Structures are given as C-alpha cells and as structure tokens.
Amino acid sequence: MTDMEKLLRSLIDQYRSIDIVESEFKRMLNEDNTIKDDYISWCEEFGYSPKKGYREYIQQIFESEDSIWDSFIQFEDEN
C-alpha cells in the first residue's frame, strides 16, 4: 500500500509549490491505478474528499510550515 502522506510530503519537498505538487500528483493518479486505489482508501480513512483531499492535505502542510515560521519571527521580534 502506498503511504500517501509520505508520497505527498516527498512531492512537497521536491517542488515547494502547491500548483506543481497538485499537477504532479494528479499525473500520478492518472498513470497508476494502485496509487489511485490507495489514495481513495486514504481519503476514506482520514475523512478527505477523493476529489480534492490531496489539495486539502497539501494546504495543511504549507499552512503548518508557515505557522512555524510566523511563530519563530514573532519570537525573534519579541527579543
């Protein structure tokens, strides 16, 4: 079974752009039925919509990373 979080994380690390990650992931889904089936199962397990679940997850990762940097900058500004 494909680890969707690991796969999406590797695409994020590689491309660092939501649009490019989304495009690459869609390509993978269209080319590999195993990944597509595993993705649908992953969506069901974690409550994501199969239509846009990958995008929701990608956005969460980027927002989480932004939040970490915002906290760091705020901490630096206070000192």
C-alpha atoms as a PDB file:
ATOM      1  CA  MET A   1       0.000   0.000   0.000  1.00  0.00           C
ATOM      2  CA  THR A   2       1.244   3.458  -0.922  1.00  0.00           C
ATOM      3  CA  ASP A   3       1.880   5.785   2.020  1.00  0.00           C
ATOM      4  CA  MET A   4       0.000   8.866   0.776  1.00  0.00           C
ATOM      5  CA  GLU A   5       1.352  11.213   3.406  1.00  0.00           C
ATOM      6  CA  LYS A   6       4.912  10.183   2.633  1.00  0.00           C
ATOM      7  CA  LEU A   7       4.289  10.482  -1.121  1.00  0.00           C
ATOM      8  CA  LEU A   8       2.677  13.908  -0.842  1.00  0.00           C
ATOM      9  CA  ARG A   9       5.393  15.078   1.562  1.00  0.00           C
ATOM     10  CA  SER A  10       8.097  13.991  -0.878  1.00  0.00           C
ATOM     11  CA  LEU A  11       6.377  15.931  -3.684  1.00  0.00           C
ATOM     12  CA  ILE A  12       6.134  19.000  -1.431  1.00  0.00           C
ATOM     13  CA  ASP A  13       9.810  18.746  -0.538  1.00  0.00           C
ATOM     14  CA  GLN A  14      10.748  18.323  -4.182  1.00  0.00           C
ATOM     15  CA  TYR A  15       8.616  21.044  -5.789  1.00  0.00           C
ATOM     16  CA  ARG A  16       7.752  23.542  -2.991  1.00  0.00           C
ATOM     17  CA  SER A  17       4.732  24.800  -4.951  1.00  0.00           C
ATOM     18  CA  ILE A  18       1.117  23.805  -4.326  1.00  0.00           C
ATOM     19  CA  ASP A  19       0.258  24.043  -8.027  1.00  0.00           C
ATOM     20  CA  ILE A  20       3.174  21.894  -9.167  1.00  0.00           C
ATOM     21  CA  VAL A  21       2.610  19.314  -6.420  1.00  0.00           C
ATOM     22  CA  GLU A  22      -1.060  19.133  -7.349  1.00  0.00           C
ATOM     23  CA  SER A  23      -0.261  18.719 -11.036  1.00  0.00           C
ATOM     24  CA  GLU A  24       2.340  16.024 -10.398  1.00  0.00           C
ATOM     25  CA  PHE A  25       0.052  14.126  -8.010  1.00  0.00           C
ATOM     26  CA  LYS A  26      -2.846  14.214 -10.496  1.00  0.00           C
ATOM     27  CA  ARG A  27      -0.494  12.829 -13.148  1.00  0.00           C
ATOM     28  CA  MET A  28       0.495  10.002 -10.813  1.00  0.00           C
ATOM     29  CA  LEU A  29      -3.150   9.183 -10.065  1.00  0.00           C
ATOM     30  CA  ASN A  30      -3.957   9.019 -13.777  1.00  0.00           C
ATOM     31  CA  GLU A  31      -0.969   6.815 -14.587  1.00  0.00           C
ATOM     32  CA  ASP A  32      -1.021   4.350 -11.687  1.00  0.00           C
ATOM     33  CA  ASN A  33      -4.217   2.586 -10.598  1.00  0.00           C
ATOM     34  CA  THR A  34      -2.549   1.236  -7.451  1.00  0.00           C
ATOM     35  CA  ILE A  35      -1.763   4.747  -6.275  1.00  0.00           C
ATOM     36  CA  LYS A  36      -5.287   5.835  -7.204  1.00  0.00           C
ATOM     37  CA  ASP A  37      -6.874   2.968  -5.230  1.00  0.00           C
ATOM     38  CA  ASP A  38      -4.593   3.610  -2.243  1.00  0.00           C
ATOM     39  CA  TYR A  39      -5.419   7.311  -2.421  1.00  0.00           C
ATOM     40  CA  ILE A  40      -9.168   6.622  -2.313  1.00  0.00           C
ATOM     41  CA  SER A  41      -8.670   4.361   0.713  1.00  0.00           C
ATOM     42  CA  TRP A  42      -6.523   7.018   2.394  1.00  0.00           C
ATOM     43  CA  CYS A  43      -9.225   9.640   1.810  1.00  0.00           C
ATOM     44  CA  GLU A  44     -11.865   7.376   3.329  1.00  0.00           C
ATOM     45  CA  GLU A  45      -9.663   6.606   6.328  1.00  0.00           C
ATOM     46  CA  PHE A  46      -8.842  10.250   7.115  1.00  0.00           C
ATOM     47  CA  GLY A  47     -12.102  11.888   6.040  1.00  0.00           C
ATOM     48  CA  TYR A  48     -10.840  13.664   2.948  1.00  0.00           C
ATOM     49  CA  SER A  49     -12.843  14.117  -0.223  1.00  0.00           C
ATOM     50  CA  PRO A  50     -11.306  11.988  -3.004  1.00  0.00           C
ATOM     51  CA  LYS A  51     -11.873  14.859  -5.415  1.00  0.00           C
ATOM     52  CA  LYS A  52      -9.717  17.383  -3.515  1.00  0.00           C
ATOM     53  CA  GLY A  53      -8.319  15.546  -0.479  1.00  0.00           C
ATOM     54  CA  TYR A  54      -4.754  15.770  -1.698  1.00  0.00           C
ATOM     55  CA  ARG A  55      -5.077  19.550  -2.075  1.00  0.00           C
ATOM     56  CA  GLU A  56      -6.517  19.893   1.434  1.00  0.00           C
ATOM     57  CA  TYR A  57      -3.607  17.888   2.833  1.00  0.00           C
ATOM     58  CA  ILE A  58      -1.018  19.865   0.843  1.00  0.00           C
ATOM     59  CA  GLN A  59      -2.514  23.158   2.048  1.00  0.00           C
ATOM     60  CA  GLN A  60      -2.432  21.930   5.647  1.00  0.00           C
ATOM     61  CA  ILE A  61       1.273  21.150   5.321  1.00  0.00           C
ATOM     62  CA  PHE A  62       2.094  24.554   3.817  1.00  0.00           C
ATOM     63  CA  GLU A  63      -0.033  26.355   6.436  1.00  0.00           C
ATOM     64  CA  SER A  64       1.653  24.394   9.217  1.00  0.00           C
ATOM     65  CA  GLU A  65       5.086  25.344   7.905  1.00  0.00           C
ATOM     66  CA  ASP A  66       4.023  28.991   7.596  1.00  0.00           C
ATOM     67  CA  SER A  67       2.741  28.902  11.176  1.00  0.00           C
ATOM     68  CA  ILE A  68       6.092  27.617  12.423  1.00  0.00           C
ATOM     69  CA  TRP A  69       7.916  30.445  10.643  1.00  0.00           C
ATOM     70  CA  ASP A  70       5.412  33.022  11.895  1.00  0.00           C
ATOM     71  CA  SER A  71       5.988  31.834  15.470  1.00  0.00           C
ATOM     72  CA  PHE A  72       9.737  31.991  15.002  1.00  0.00           C
ATOM     73  CA  ILE A  73       9.603  35.513  13.565  1.00  0.00           C
ATOM     74  CA  GLN A  74       7.294  36.659  16.370  1.00  0.00           C
ATOM     75  CA  PHE A  75       9.677  35.183  18.956  1.00  0.00           C
ATOM     76  CA  GLU A  76      12.630  36.969  17.320  1.00  0.00           C
ATOM     77  CA  ASP A  77      10.723  40.270  17.273  1.00  0.00           C
ATOM     78  CA  GLU A  78       9.956  39.999  20.984  1.00  0.00           C
ATOM     79  CA  ASN A  79      13.607  39.535  21.932  1.00  0.00           C
END
